[in-house]
Every structure is written in C-alpha cells, then in structure tokens.
Amino acid sequence: MTAIRVAIVDDQQLVRMGLRMMLDAQPDIDVVAEAADGHEAVAVAAAGGIDVILMDVRMPGLDGIAATERISALEGAPRILVLTTFDLDEYAFAALRAGASGFLLKDARPPELLGAIRSVHAGDAALAPRVTARMIEQFMDAPAPADEAKIDVLTPREREILIAIGEGMSNDELAAHFFLSISTVKTHISRLLQKLDARDRVQLVILAYEAGLVGR
C-alpha cells in the first residue's frame, strides 16, 4: 500500500506538531512536509510529491484561502482539506470555491479527520456536517441563478444524479436510490466531472446549488 503523502500548513508550531504525531501513527499516511504560512504552502505544493494538504485558514501573509486558490491552479495540484477553528460560512464557501476538496473544523475528532484525508485523496468531498447545513441554508436564501446553461449538456439521468450528489448522497446511497451498481454510479460521476469541468465531487455539490437544482 502506498501511503498518502500529507503536508501540514498552520502558523502554530504546536498545532503542526500535534497533527504530525497523530497522522504519522497511521500506517497509510505519511507527513512529508510542513509550512507556517500560505507562501510556504504554495512553494511546498509546487515542489511536488504531496497528495493532500491540511490547510489552516487564518495565517499571516498569505492566508489559507488565497493559498488554496494558487495551489489549485498548479498542474497536478494536491487535494486540499481546509481546517479552521472558525465556524463561519464565508470561510467554508471561499475555501470550496478556491478549490478545496473539503472543509473541517479543528474540533473534529481524529477518526473524522483521518476519514476526511482518505476521502479527499480518493477524489470525494469532505464537508463538516455543520458547514453542509449552513451551505444549504445560504443557497436557499440566495436569489435563483439567471442561467443554467452549464448544466444543459447533461442527460436527464445525469441531472438527477447531480441533484442527489448536491443533496449529500454517497455512492452507496446513489446506487440504492437509482437501482444502479457502484461501478455504474462511478461512471456517471466521472461523466459529470468531465462534462461540467469539475475537479472533484465538492465542485459538483457547489454547481448543483449554484444552478438552483438543490435547495429551492
């Protein structure tokens, strides 16, 4: 088994140390780099050899949101899992739109964090339940979009699956709901990613909300 190569980005050394101790104890995770601010994070990501970055939001110099945007623009960019102590919508939405594959609060339990790292490495989304609930509330209160042209390329079944993904269904739940095999579900998701030019599942969730398919 090839270990997931992780970089930890946080301006507090004690936080980095605590995360490193926890992650290095896992047989399938290897902490290969650390950074104390966004500028260092971008340099670490550009050097390559990283699968997942744990990214703090509030840091001096270049913050985690800006660093996430710059890193996501790199060719072969690693997945980014944003961690913060601040349970505020603006950070979650900004991080996800900047290209993060997940968003967790720092008070998440170790199993939740470890599961999130493995999920984003596998190409799935990892969203804290509180953040997901607030995302639903925000998009329900937002004005309806003026144009749905981006999703017009989808077949009716692909549109149904996109809605279900936006509502938070896992692959197993999608398979049961639509009476499909897991492999067929994965094929549908791959086509959605390609047609919508989305990097991963979390971007599909955002697109479903922005297109008005969910929460109306």
C-alpha atoms as a PDB file:
ATOM      1  CA  MET A   1       0.000   0.000   0.000  1.00  0.00           C
ATOM      2  CA  THR A   2       1.327   3.423  -0.962  1.00  0.00           C
ATOM      3  CA  ALA A   3       0.977   5.908   1.886  1.00  0.00           C
ATOM      4  CA  ILE A   4      -0.949   9.150   1.400  1.00  0.00           C
ATOM      5  CA  ARG A   5       1.635  11.942   1.392  1.00  0.00           C
ATOM      6  CA  VAL A   6       0.402  14.823   3.532  1.00  0.00           C
ATOM      7  CA  ALA A   7       1.633  18.392   4.091  1.00  0.00           C
ATOM      8  CA  ILE A   8       0.518  20.347   7.166  1.00  0.00           C
ATOM      9  CA  VAL A   9       0.076  24.112   6.847  1.00  0.00           C
ATOM     10  CA  ASP A  10      -0.519  26.073  10.060  1.00  0.00           C
ATOM     11  CA  ASP A  11       1.168  29.101  11.590  1.00  0.00           C
ATOM     12  CA  GLN A  12       1.167  27.492  15.044  1.00  0.00           C
ATOM     13  CA  GLN A  13       4.022  25.055  15.572  1.00  0.00           C
ATOM     14  CA  LEU A  14       2.215  23.182  18.352  1.00  0.00           C
ATOM     15  CA  VAL A  15      -0.747  22.544  16.064  1.00  0.00           C
ATOM     16  CA  ARG A  16       1.544  21.193  13.362  1.00  0.00           C
ATOM     17  CA  MET A  17       3.304  19.015  15.894  1.00  0.00           C
ATOM     18  CA  GLY A  18       0.053  17.573  17.235  1.00  0.00           C
ATOM     19  CA  LEU A  19      -1.283  16.821  13.768  1.00  0.00           C
ATOM     20  CA  ARG A  20       2.007  15.242  12.718  1.00  0.00           C
ATOM     21  CA  MET A  21       2.052  12.920  15.738  1.00  0.00           C
ATOM     22  CA  MET A  22      -1.490  11.771  15.031  1.00  0.00           C
ATOM     23  CA  LEU A  23      -1.023  11.311  11.295  1.00  0.00           C
ATOM     24  CA  ASP A  24       2.372   9.605  11.473  1.00  0.00           C
ATOM     25  CA  ALA A  25       0.788   6.952  13.692  1.00  0.00           C
ATOM     26  CA  GLN A  26      -1.345   5.842  10.734  1.00  0.00           C
ATOM     27  CA  PRO A  27       0.136   3.123   8.502  1.00  0.00           C
ATOM     28  CA  ASP A  28      -1.380   4.632   5.338  1.00  0.00           C
ATOM     29  CA  ILE A  29      -0.450   8.291   5.953  1.00  0.00           C
ATOM     30  CA  ASP A  30       2.974   9.897   5.784  1.00  0.00           C
ATOM     31  CA  VAL A  31       3.592  13.559   6.704  1.00  0.00           C
ATOM     32  CA  VAL A  32       6.178  14.699   4.183  1.00  0.00           C
ATOM     33  CA  ALA A  33       6.194  18.485   4.648  1.00  0.00           C
ATOM     34  CA  GLU A  34       5.145  21.385   6.875  1.00  0.00           C
ATOM     35  CA  ALA A  35       4.582  25.082   6.203  1.00  0.00           C
ATOM     36  CA  ALA A  36       3.911  28.026   8.516  1.00  0.00           C
ATOM     37  CA  ASP A  37       2.074  30.316   6.071  1.00  0.00           C
ATOM     38  CA  GLY A  38       0.439  30.448   2.673  1.00  0.00           C
ATOM     39  CA  HIS A  39       3.569  31.437   0.781  1.00  0.00           C
ATOM     40  CA  GLU A  40       5.453  28.429   2.153  1.00  0.00           C
ATOM     41  CA  ALA A  41       2.448  26.233   1.337  1.00  0.00           C
ATOM     42  CA  VAL A  42       2.471  27.294  -2.317  1.00  0.00           C
ATOM     43  CA  ALA A  43       6.218  26.599  -2.544  1.00  0.00           C
ATOM     44  CA  VAL A  44       5.785  23.177  -0.934  1.00  0.00           C
ATOM     45  CA  ALA A  45       2.943  22.285  -3.293  1.00  0.00           C
ATOM     46  CA  ALA A  46       4.881  23.471  -6.339  1.00  0.00           C
ATOM     47  CA  ALA A  47       7.790  21.216  -5.384  1.00  0.00           C
ATOM     48  CA  GLY A  48       5.508  18.195  -5.840  1.00  0.00           C
ATOM     49  CA  GLY A  49       5.345  14.872  -4.041  1.00  0.00           C
ATOM     50  CA  ILE A  50       2.239  15.721  -1.995  1.00  0.00           C
ATOM     51  CA  ASP A  51      -1.206  14.128  -2.209  1.00  0.00           C
ATOM     52  CA  VAL A  52      -3.178  16.060   0.414  1.00  0.00           C
ATOM     53  CA  ILE A  53      -2.587  19.407   2.132  1.00  0.00           C
ATOM     54  CA  LEU A  54      -4.137  20.229   5.503  1.00  0.00           C
ATOM     55  CA  MET A  55      -4.608  23.980   5.211  1.00  0.00           C
ATOM     56  CA  ASP A  56      -5.250  26.445   8.026  1.00  0.00           C
ATOM     57  CA  VAL A  57      -7.386  29.465   7.090  1.00  0.00           C
ATOM     58  CA  ARG A  58      -6.104  32.362   9.160  1.00  0.00           C
ATOM     59  CA  MET A  59      -2.361  32.839   8.748  1.00  0.00           C
ATOM     60  CA  PRO A  60      -0.086  35.880   8.433  1.00  0.00           C
ATOM     61  CA  GLY A  61       0.998  36.976   4.976  1.00  0.00           C
ATOM     62  CA  LEU A  62      -0.875  34.817   2.503  1.00  0.00           C
ATOM     63  CA  ASP A  63      -3.940  33.273   4.144  1.00  0.00           C
ATOM     64  CA  GLY A  64      -5.273  29.780   3.556  1.00  0.00           C
ATOM     65  CA  ILE A  65      -7.970  30.810   1.094  1.00  0.00           C
ATOM     66  CA  ALA A  66      -5.557  32.658  -1.198  1.00  0.00           C
ATOM     67  CA  ALA A  67      -3.003  29.856  -0.887  1.00  0.00           C
ATOM     68  CA  THR A  68      -5.672  27.297  -1.790  1.00  0.00           C
ATOM     69  CA  GLU A  69      -6.556  29.239  -4.926  1.00  0.00           C
ATOM     70  CA  ARG A  70      -2.927  29.472  -6.036  1.00  0.00           C
ATOM     71  CA  ILE A  71      -2.222  25.813  -5.319  1.00  0.00           C
ATOM     72  CA  SER A  72      -5.373  24.633  -7.093  1.00  0.00           C
ATOM     73  CA  ALA A  73      -4.161  26.398 -10.236  1.00  0.00           C
ATOM     74  CA  LEU A  74      -0.968  24.299 -10.312  1.00  0.00           C
ATOM     75  CA  GLU A  75      -0.736  21.409 -12.728  1.00  0.00           C
ATOM     76  CA  GLY A  76      -1.236  18.145 -10.855  1.00  0.00           C
ATOM     77  CA  ALA A  77      -2.213  20.073  -7.717  1.00  0.00           C
ATOM     78  CA  PRO A  78      -2.675  18.111  -4.486  1.00  0.00           C
ATOM     79  CA  ARG A  79      -6.073  17.861  -2.815  1.00  0.00           C
ATOM     80  CA  ILE A  80      -6.644  20.472  -0.124  1.00  0.00           C
ATOM     81  CA  LEU A  81      -8.516  19.907   3.122  1.00  0.00           C
ATOM     82  CA  VAL A  82      -9.133  23.185   4.946  1.00  0.00           C
ATOM     83  CA  LEU A  83      -9.091  23.186   8.749  1.00  0.00           C
ATOM     84  CA  THR A  84     -10.199  26.106  10.882  1.00  0.00           C
ATOM     85  CA  THR A  85     -11.444  26.958  14.362  1.00  0.00           C
ATOM     86  CA  PHE A  86     -13.923  29.428  12.878  1.00  0.00           C
ATOM     87  CA  ASP A  87     -17.384  28.047  12.119  1.00  0.00           C
ATOM     88  CA  LEU A  88     -18.223  30.821   9.664  1.00  0.00           C
ATOM     89  CA  ASP A  89     -19.926  30.447   6.270  1.00  0.00           C
ATOM     90  CA  GLU A  90     -17.631  32.876   4.489  1.00  0.00           C
ATOM     91  CA  TYR A  91     -14.559  30.748   5.142  1.00  0.00           C
ATOM     92  CA  ALA A  92     -16.211  27.491   4.088  1.00  0.00           C
ATOM     93  CA  PHE A  93     -17.624  28.873   0.850  1.00  0.00           C
ATOM     94  CA  ALA A  94     -14.469  30.810  -0.017  1.00  0.00           C
ATOM     95  CA  ALA A  95     -12.305  27.735   0.557  1.00  0.00           C
ATOM     96  CA  LEU A  96     -14.510  25.468  -1.528  1.00  0.00           C
ATOM     97  CA  ARG A  97     -14.768  27.944  -4.380  1.00  0.00           C
ATOM     98  CA  ALA A  98     -10.991  28.439  -4.255  1.00  0.00           C
ATOM     99  CA  GLY A  99     -10.562  24.734  -4.994  1.00  0.00           C
ATOM    100  CA  ALA A 100     -10.544  22.948  -1.630  1.00  0.00           C
ATOM    101  CA  SER A 101     -11.870  19.404  -1.647  1.00  0.00           C
ATOM    102  CA  GLY A 102     -13.039  19.563   1.940  1.00  0.00           C
ATOM    103  CA  PHE A 103     -13.598  21.742   4.977  1.00  0.00           C
ATOM    104  CA  LEU A 104     -13.439  20.636   8.597  1.00  0.00           C
ATOM    105  CA  LEU A 105     -13.385  22.383  11.943  1.00  0.00           C
ATOM    106  CA  LYS A 106     -10.360  21.853  14.147  1.00  0.00           C
ATOM    107  CA  ASP A 107     -12.546  20.372  16.869  1.00  0.00           C
ATOM    108  CA  ALA A 108     -13.275  17.396  14.602  1.00  0.00           C
ATOM    109  CA  ARG A 109     -12.495  14.063  16.229  1.00  0.00           C
ATOM    110  CA  PRO A 110      -9.411  12.177  14.964  1.00  0.00           C
ATOM    111  CA  PRO A 111     -11.466   9.488  13.150  1.00  0.00           C
ATOM    112  CA  GLU A 112     -13.352  12.253  11.300  1.00  0.00           C
ATOM    113  CA  LEU A 113     -10.139  13.979  10.249  1.00  0.00           C
ATOM    114  CA  LEU A 114      -8.474  10.743   9.171  1.00  0.00           C
ATOM    115  CA  GLY A 115     -11.566   9.766   7.209  1.00  0.00           C
ATOM    116  CA  ALA A 116     -11.619  13.179   5.537  1.00  0.00           C
ATOM    117  CA  ILE A 117      -7.982  12.859   4.445  1.00  0.00           C
ATOM    118  CA  ARG A 118      -8.678   9.452   2.942  1.00  0.00           C
ATOM    119  CA  SER A 119     -11.867  10.702   1.270  1.00  0.00           C
ATOM    120  CA  VAL A 120     -10.335  13.712  -0.457  1.00  0.00           C
ATOM    121  CA  HIS A 121      -7.360  11.604  -1.526  1.00  0.00           C
ATOM    122  CA  ALA A 122      -9.834   9.231  -3.188  1.00  0.00           C
ATOM    123  CA  GLY A 123     -11.468  12.139  -5.016  1.00  0.00           C
ATOM    124  CA  ASP A 124     -14.504  12.558  -2.774  1.00  0.00           C
ATOM    125  CA  ALA A 125     -15.625  15.604  -0.836  1.00  0.00           C
ATOM    126  CA  ALA A 126     -15.263  16.032   2.914  1.00  0.00           C
ATOM    127  CA  LEU A 127     -17.598  18.597   4.424  1.00  0.00           C
ATOM    128  CA  ALA A 128     -18.268  19.113   8.117  1.00  0.00           C
ATOM    129  CA  PRO A 129     -21.988  18.493   8.818  1.00  0.00           C
ATOM    130  CA  ARG A 130     -22.407  21.985  10.262  1.00  0.00           C
ATOM    131  CA  VAL A 131     -20.862  23.506   7.160  1.00  0.00           C
ATOM    132  CA  THR A 132     -23.072  21.432   4.870  1.00  0.00           C
ATOM    133  CA  ALA A 133     -26.188  22.511   6.759  1.00  0.00           C
ATOM    134  CA  ARG A 134     -25.211  26.177   6.521  1.00  0.00           C
ATOM    135  CA  MET A 135     -24.435  25.817   2.832  1.00  0.00           C
ATOM    136  CA  ILE A 136     -27.973  24.536   2.277  1.00  0.00           C
ATOM    137  CA  GLU A 137     -29.410  27.465   4.246  1.00  0.00           C
ATOM    138  CA  GLN A 138     -27.317  30.026   2.375  1.00  0.00           C
ATOM    139  CA  PHE A 139     -28.259  28.774  -1.068  1.00  0.00           C
ATOM    140  CA  MET A 140     -31.937  28.516  -0.127  1.00  0.00           C
ATOM    141  CA  ASP A 141     -31.865  32.215   0.790  1.00  0.00           C
ATOM    142  CA  ALA A 142     -29.877  33.263  -2.283  1.00  0.00           C
ATOM    143  CA  PRO A 143     -31.615  34.559  -5.427  1.00  0.00           C
ATOM    144  CA  ALA A 144     -32.197  31.991  -8.155  1.00  0.00           C
ATOM    145  CA  PRO A 145     -29.497  31.951 -10.847  1.00  0.00           C
ATOM    146  CA  ALA A 146     -30.302  33.638 -14.138  1.00  0.00           C
ATOM    147  CA  ASP A 147     -28.706  30.979 -16.340  1.00  0.00           C
ATOM    148  CA  GLU A 148     -28.486  27.186 -16.150  1.00  0.00           C
ATOM    149  CA  ALA A 149     -26.665  26.807 -19.461  1.00  0.00           C
ATOM    150  CA  LYS A 150     -23.744  24.988 -17.905  1.00  0.00           C
ATOM    151  CA  ILE A 151     -25.884  22.010 -16.959  1.00  0.00           C
ATOM    152  CA  ASP A 152     -27.858  21.869 -20.214  1.00  0.00           C
ATOM    153  CA  VAL A 153     -25.280  19.380 -21.532  1.00  0.00           C
ATOM    154  CA  LEU A 154     -26.423  16.756 -19.011  1.00  0.00           C
ATOM    155  CA  THR A 155     -28.767  13.893 -19.757  1.00  0.00           C
ATOM    156  CA  PRO A 156     -31.896  13.608 -17.573  1.00  0.00           C
ATOM    157  CA  ARG A 157     -30.293  10.795 -15.549  1.00  0.00           C
ATOM    158  CA  GLU A 158     -27.063  12.759 -15.083  1.00  0.00           C
ATOM    159  CA  ARG A 159     -29.109  15.718 -13.910  1.00  0.00           C
ATOM    160  CA  GLU A 160     -30.908  13.504 -11.363  1.00  0.00           C
ATOM    161  CA  ILE A 161     -27.601  12.177 -10.077  1.00  0.00           C
ATOM    162  CA  LEU A 162     -26.147  15.678  -9.814  1.00  0.00           C
ATOM    163  CA  ILE A 163     -29.141  16.725  -7.709  1.00  0.00           C
ATOM    164  CA  ALA A 164     -28.663  13.690  -5.460  1.00  0.00           C
ATOM    165  CA  ILE A 165     -24.955  14.478  -5.060  1.00  0.00           C
ATOM    166  CA  GLY A 166     -25.900  18.046  -4.154  1.00  0.00           C
ATOM    167  CA  GLU A 167     -28.236  16.669  -1.509  1.00  0.00           C
ATOM    168  CA  GLY A 168     -25.303  14.803   0.022  1.00  0.00           C
ATOM    169  CA  MET A 169     -25.846  11.213  -1.139  1.00  0.00           C
ATOM    170  CA  SER A 170     -22.853   8.881  -1.001  1.00  0.00           C
ATOM    171  CA  ASN A 171     -22.051   6.432  -3.791  1.00  0.00           C
ATOM    172  CA  ASP A 172     -23.754   3.616  -1.881  1.00  0.00           C
ATOM    173  CA  GLU A 173     -26.857   5.756  -1.387  1.00  0.00           C
ATOM    174  CA  LEU A 174     -26.872   6.739  -5.059  1.00  0.00           C
ATOM    175  CA  ALA A 175     -26.669   3.083  -6.075  1.00  0.00           C
ATOM    176  CA  ALA A 176     -29.574   2.124  -3.810  1.00  0.00           C
ATOM    177  CA  HIS A 177     -31.709   5.117  -4.771  1.00  0.00           C
ATOM    178  CA  PHE A 178     -31.313   4.710  -8.544  1.00  0.00           C
ATOM    179  CA  PHE A 179     -31.022   0.885  -8.529  1.00  0.00           C
ATOM    180  CA  LEU A 180     -27.552   1.023 -10.063  1.00  0.00           C
ATOM    181  CA  SER A 181     -24.296  -0.805  -9.439  1.00  0.00           C
ATOM    182  CA  ILE A 182     -21.470   1.064  -7.724  1.00  0.00           C
ATOM    183  CA  SER A 183     -19.411   0.882 -10.916  1.00  0.00           C
ATOM    184  CA  THR A 184     -22.251   2.495 -12.892  1.00  0.00           C
ATOM    185  CA  VAL A 185     -22.558   5.232 -10.275  1.00  0.00           C
ATOM    186  CA  LYS A 186     -18.827   5.917 -10.566  1.00  0.00           C
ATOM    187  CA  THR A 187     -19.158   6.081 -14.347  1.00  0.00           C
ATOM    188  CA  HIS A 188     -21.955   8.645 -14.061  1.00  0.00           C
ATOM    189  CA  ILE A 189     -19.863  10.734 -11.650  1.00  0.00           C
ATOM    190  CA  SER A 190     -16.859  10.606 -13.982  1.00  0.00           C
ATOM    191  CA  ARG A 191     -19.043  11.860 -16.827  1.00  0.00           C
ATOM    192  CA  LEU A 192     -20.421  14.653 -14.662  1.00  0.00           C
ATOM    193  CA  LEU A 193     -16.910  15.752 -13.734  1.00  0.00           C
ATOM    194  CA  GLN A 194     -15.884  15.759 -17.380  1.00  0.00           C
ATOM    195  CA  LYS A 195     -18.969  17.486 -18.771  1.00  0.00           C
ATOM    196  CA  LEU A 196     -19.068  20.159 -16.072  1.00  0.00           C
ATOM    197  CA  ASP A 197     -15.287  20.632 -15.998  1.00  0.00           C
ATOM    198  CA  ALA A 198     -15.331  19.983 -12.252  1.00  0.00           C
ATOM    199  CA  ARG A 199     -12.236  18.897 -10.410  1.00  0.00           C
ATOM    200  CA  ASP A 200     -13.942  16.729  -7.821  1.00  0.00           C
ATOM    201  CA  ARG A 201     -17.174  15.900  -6.040  1.00  0.00           C
ATOM    202  CA  VAL A 202     -17.244  19.036  -3.895  1.00  0.00           C
ATOM    203  CA  GLN A 203     -17.352  21.172  -7.035  1.00  0.00           C
ATOM    204  CA  LEU A 204     -20.307  19.131  -8.230  1.00  0.00           C
ATOM    205  CA  VAL A 205     -22.085  19.989  -4.962  1.00  0.00           C
ATOM    206  CA  ILE A 206     -21.398  23.699  -5.477  1.00  0.00           C
ATOM    207  CA  LEU A 207     -22.574  23.558  -9.091  1.00  0.00           C
ATOM    208  CA  ALA A 208     -25.805  21.843  -8.059  1.00  0.00           C
ATOM    209  CA  TYR A 209     -26.531  24.676  -5.625  1.00  0.00           C
ATOM    210  CA  GLU A 210     -25.456  27.457  -7.955  1.00  0.00           C
ATOM    211  CA  ALA A 211     -27.615  26.047 -10.760  1.00  0.00           C
ATOM    212  CA  GLY A 212     -30.623  26.079  -8.484  1.00  0.00           C
ATOM    213  CA  LEU A 213     -31.050  22.300  -8.618  1.00  0.00           C
ATOM    214  CA  VAL A 214     -30.846  21.913  -4.836  1.00  0.00           C
ATOM    215  CA  GLY A 215     -32.365  23.935  -2.033  1.00  0.00           C
ATOM    216  CA  ARG A 216     -35.171  25.590  -3.972  1.00  0.00           C
END
